[in-house]
C-alpha atoms as a PDB file:
ATOM      1  CA  MET A   1     -12.811   6.738  -8.332  1.00  0.00           C
ATOM      2  CA  CYS A   2     -10.150   9.642  -8.385  1.00  0.00           C
ATOM      3  CA  PHE A   3      -7.013   9.003  -6.462  1.00  0.00           C
ATOM      4  CA  SER A   4      -4.872  11.400  -5.116  1.00  0.00           C
ATOM      5  CA  PHE A   5      -1.067  10.670  -4.706  1.00  0.00           C
ATOM      6  CA  SER A   6       0.243  13.101  -2.648  1.00  0.00           C
ATOM      7  CA  MET A   7       2.929  11.336  -0.568  1.00  0.00           C
ATOM      8  CA  PHE A   8       6.341  12.385   1.032  1.00  0.00           C
ATOM      9  CA  LEU A   9       9.054   9.876  -0.865  1.00  0.00           C
ATOM     10  CA  SER A  10      11.614   9.182   1.928  1.00  0.00           C
ATOM     11  CA  ARG A  11      13.925   6.368   0.529  1.00  0.00           C
ATOM     12  CA  ALA A  12      13.199   4.356  -2.365  1.00  0.00           C
ATOM     13  CA  VAL A  13      13.945   0.605  -1.571  1.00  0.00           C
ATOM     14  CA  ASP A  14      12.366  -2.625  -3.452  1.00  0.00           C
ATOM     15  CA  THR A  15      12.444  -5.059  -0.579  1.00  0.00           C
ATOM     16  CA  ILE A  16      10.378  -5.338   2.906  1.00  0.00           C
ATOM     17  CA  ARG A  17      11.323  -7.597   5.380  1.00  0.00           C
ATOM     18  CA  HIS A  18       9.983  -9.123   8.402  1.00  0.00           C
ATOM     19  CA  LYS A  19       9.024  -6.429  11.131  1.00  0.00           C
ATOM     20  CA  ASP A  20       9.708  -3.633   8.516  1.00  0.00           C
ATOM     21  CA  THR A  21       6.631  -1.499   7.895  1.00  0.00           C
ATOM     22  CA  LEU A  22       5.433   0.235   5.411  1.00  0.00           C
ATOM     23  CA  ARG A  23       3.473   3.066   6.047  1.00  0.00           C
ATOM     24  CA  GLU A  24       1.373   6.277   4.254  1.00  0.00           C
ATOM     25  CA  ASN A  25       4.531   8.329   3.590  1.00  0.00           C
ATOM     26  CA  GLN A  26       6.473   5.554   2.320  1.00  0.00           C
ATOM     27  CA  ILE A  27       6.889   3.786  -1.211  1.00  0.00           C
ATOM     28  CA  LEU A  28       8.480   0.140  -2.009  1.00  0.00           C
ATOM     29  CA  VAL A  29       9.771   0.327  -5.758  1.00  0.00           C
ATOM     30  CA  SER A  30      10.022  -2.784  -7.701  1.00  0.00           C
ATOM     31  CA  ALA A  31      13.484  -4.244  -8.249  1.00  0.00           C
ATOM     32  CA  GLY A  32      13.393  -2.944 -12.055  1.00  0.00           C
ATOM     33  CA  GLY A  33      11.863   0.550 -11.050  1.00  0.00           C
ATOM     34  CA  VAL A  34       9.087  -0.091 -13.201  1.00  0.00           C
ATOM     35  CA  PHE A  35       6.436  -0.323 -10.216  1.00  0.00           C
ATOM     36  CA  GLU A  36       5.905   1.452  -7.229  1.00  0.00           C
ATOM     37  CA  LEU A  37       3.857  -0.115  -3.990  1.00  0.00           C
ATOM     38  CA  GLY A  38       2.388   2.349  -1.505  1.00  0.00           C
ATOM     39  CA  PHE A  39      -0.709   3.937   0.435  1.00  0.00           C
ATOM     40  CA  PHE A  40      -2.919   6.612  -1.612  1.00  0.00           C
ATOM     41  CA  THR A  41      -6.050   8.317  -1.011  1.00  0.00           C
ATOM     42  CA  ASP A  42      -9.429   8.362  -2.873  1.00  0.00           C
ATOM     43  CA  GLU A  43     -10.357  12.023  -3.274  1.00  0.00           C
ATOM     44  CA  SER A  44     -14.277  11.007  -3.485  1.00  0.00           C
ATOM     45  CA  THR A  45     -14.145   9.781  -0.293  1.00  0.00           C
ATOM     46  CA  GLY A  46     -11.424  10.250   1.821  1.00  0.00           C
ATOM     47  CA  ASN A  47     -10.578   6.566   2.220  1.00  0.00           C
ATOM     48  CA  HIS A  48      -7.232   5.279   1.806  1.00  0.00           C
ATOM     49  CA  PHE A  49      -5.889   2.196  -0.048  1.00  0.00           C
ATOM     50  CA  LEU A  50      -2.820   0.292  -0.441  1.00  0.00           C
ATOM     51  CA  GLY A  51      -1.849  -0.169  -4.255  1.00  0.00           C
ATOM     52  CA  ILE A  52       0.583  -0.399  -7.213  1.00  0.00           C
ATOM     53  CA  TRP A  53       1.182   1.799 -10.210  1.00  0.00           C
ATOM     54  CA  PHE A  54       3.678   2.424 -12.908  1.00  0.00           C
ATOM     55  CA  LYS A  55       6.485   4.466 -11.282  1.00  0.00           C
ATOM     56  CA  ASP A  56       6.774   6.852 -14.631  1.00  0.00           C
ATOM     57  CA  ASP A  57       2.893   7.410 -14.615  1.00  0.00           C
ATOM     58  CA  VAL A  58       2.396  11.119 -14.248  1.00  0.00           C
ATOM     59  CA  ASN A  59      -1.300  10.336 -13.130  1.00  0.00           C
ATOM     60  CA  LYS A  60      -0.116   7.812 -10.816  1.00  0.00           C
ATOM     61  CA  LYS A  61      -3.075   5.637 -11.849  1.00  0.00           C
ATOM     62  CA  ALA A  62      -3.581   2.493  -9.881  1.00  0.00           C
ATOM     63  CA  VAL A  63      -3.199  -0.655 -11.756  1.00  0.00           C
ATOM     64  CA  TRP A  64      -3.822  -2.933  -8.392  1.00  0.00           C
ATOM     65  CA  VAL A  65      -5.645  -1.960  -5.117  1.00  0.00           C
ATOM     66  CA  ALA A  66      -6.035  -3.724  -1.890  1.00  0.00           C
ATOM     67  CA  ILE A  67      -9.508  -3.928  -1.168  1.00  0.00           C
ATOM     68  CA  LEU A  68     -10.393  -6.699   1.033  1.00  0.00           C
ATOM     69  CA  GLU A  69     -14.174  -7.309   2.313  1.00  0.00           C
ATOM     70  CA  ASN A  70     -14.702  -3.872   0.497  1.00  0.00           C
ATOM     71  CA  ARG A  71     -13.301  -1.856   3.125  1.00  0.00           C
ATOM     72  CA  ALA A  72     -10.993   0.680   3.218  1.00  0.00           C
ATOM     73  CA  ILE A  73      -8.335   2.265   5.665  1.00  0.00           C
ATOM     74  CA  LEU A  74     -10.312   5.268   7.122  1.00  0.00           C
ATOM     75  CA  ASP A  75      -7.285   7.702   7.445  1.00  0.00           C
ATOM     76  CA  SER A  76      -3.503   8.087   7.353  1.00  0.00           C
ATOM     77  CA  SER A  77      -3.141   5.115  10.114  1.00  0.00           C
ATOM     78  CA  GLY A  78      -2.306   2.514   7.249  1.00  0.00           C
ATOM     79  CA  VAL A  79       0.485  -0.165   7.827  1.00  0.00           C
ATOM     80  CA  LEU A  80       1.823  -3.148   5.645  1.00  0.00           C
ATOM     81  CA  GLN A  81       4.060  -5.453   7.564  1.00  0.00           C
ATOM     82  CA  ILE A  82       5.219  -9.257   7.092  1.00  0.00           C
ATOM     83  CA  ARG A  83       4.160 -10.988  10.601  1.00  0.00           C
ATOM     84  CA  ASP A  84       6.348 -13.665  12.380  1.00  0.00           C
ATOM     85  CA  ASP A  85       4.575 -16.307  10.624  1.00  0.00           C
ATOM     86  CA  GLY A  86       5.774 -14.641   6.888  1.00  0.00           C
ATOM     87  CA  ASN A  87       2.046 -13.716   5.906  1.00  0.00           C
ATOM     88  CA  LEU A  88       1.696  -9.946   5.127  1.00  0.00           C
ATOM     89  CA  THR A  89      -0.838  -7.923   7.195  1.00  0.00           C
ATOM     90  CA  LEU A  90      -2.318  -4.479   6.186  1.00  0.00           C
ATOM     91  CA  THR A  91      -3.696  -2.345   9.131  1.00  0.00           C
ATOM     92  CA  GLY A  92      -5.508   0.781   9.798  1.00  0.00           C
ATOM     93  CA  ARG A  93      -8.014   2.244  11.766  1.00  0.00           C
ATOM     94  CA  ARG A  94     -11.309   0.466  11.794  1.00  0.00           C
ATOM     95  CA  TYR A  95      -9.637  -2.122   9.315  1.00  0.00           C
ATOM     96  CA  ASP A  96      -7.701  -5.213  10.025  1.00  0.00           C
ATOM     97  CA  ARG A  97      -7.273  -8.057   7.857  1.00  0.00           C
ATOM     98  CA  SER A  98      -4.379 -10.661   7.108  1.00  0.00           C
ATOM     99  CA  LEU A  99      -3.264 -11.488   3.376  1.00  0.00           C
ATOM    100  CA  LYS A 100      -2.992 -14.823   3.545  1.00  0.00           C
ATOM    101  CA  ASP A 101       0.141 -16.647   1.296  1.00  0.00           C
ATOM    102  CA  ALA A 102      -1.344 -17.808  -1.717  1.00  0.00           C
ATOM    103  CA  CYS A 103       0.919 -20.409  -2.250  1.00  0.00           C
ATOM    104  CA  ASN A 104      -0.613 -22.253   0.785  1.00  0.00           C
END
């Protein structure tokens, strides 16, 4: 896979709270400023993914990618949100899957 990271950087935050959303044009930066979490596009398929990469990597190569049931987000409609029950939800066109709390 070849990934393209053309994102509009709005404000850099390190926390997502209940009812906050992270969308295609937003990035969550780790508290230490080492990692970024956001959406990116696979150039070969046009599919969108949620991933983590090193902030200072000029190539923005993902070190972690959320691939659930081998299904990608098909366009820029991806949204990461914390639900009322505390679980993360990753949604997007033709894709809706909850990321269950691994501690439960």
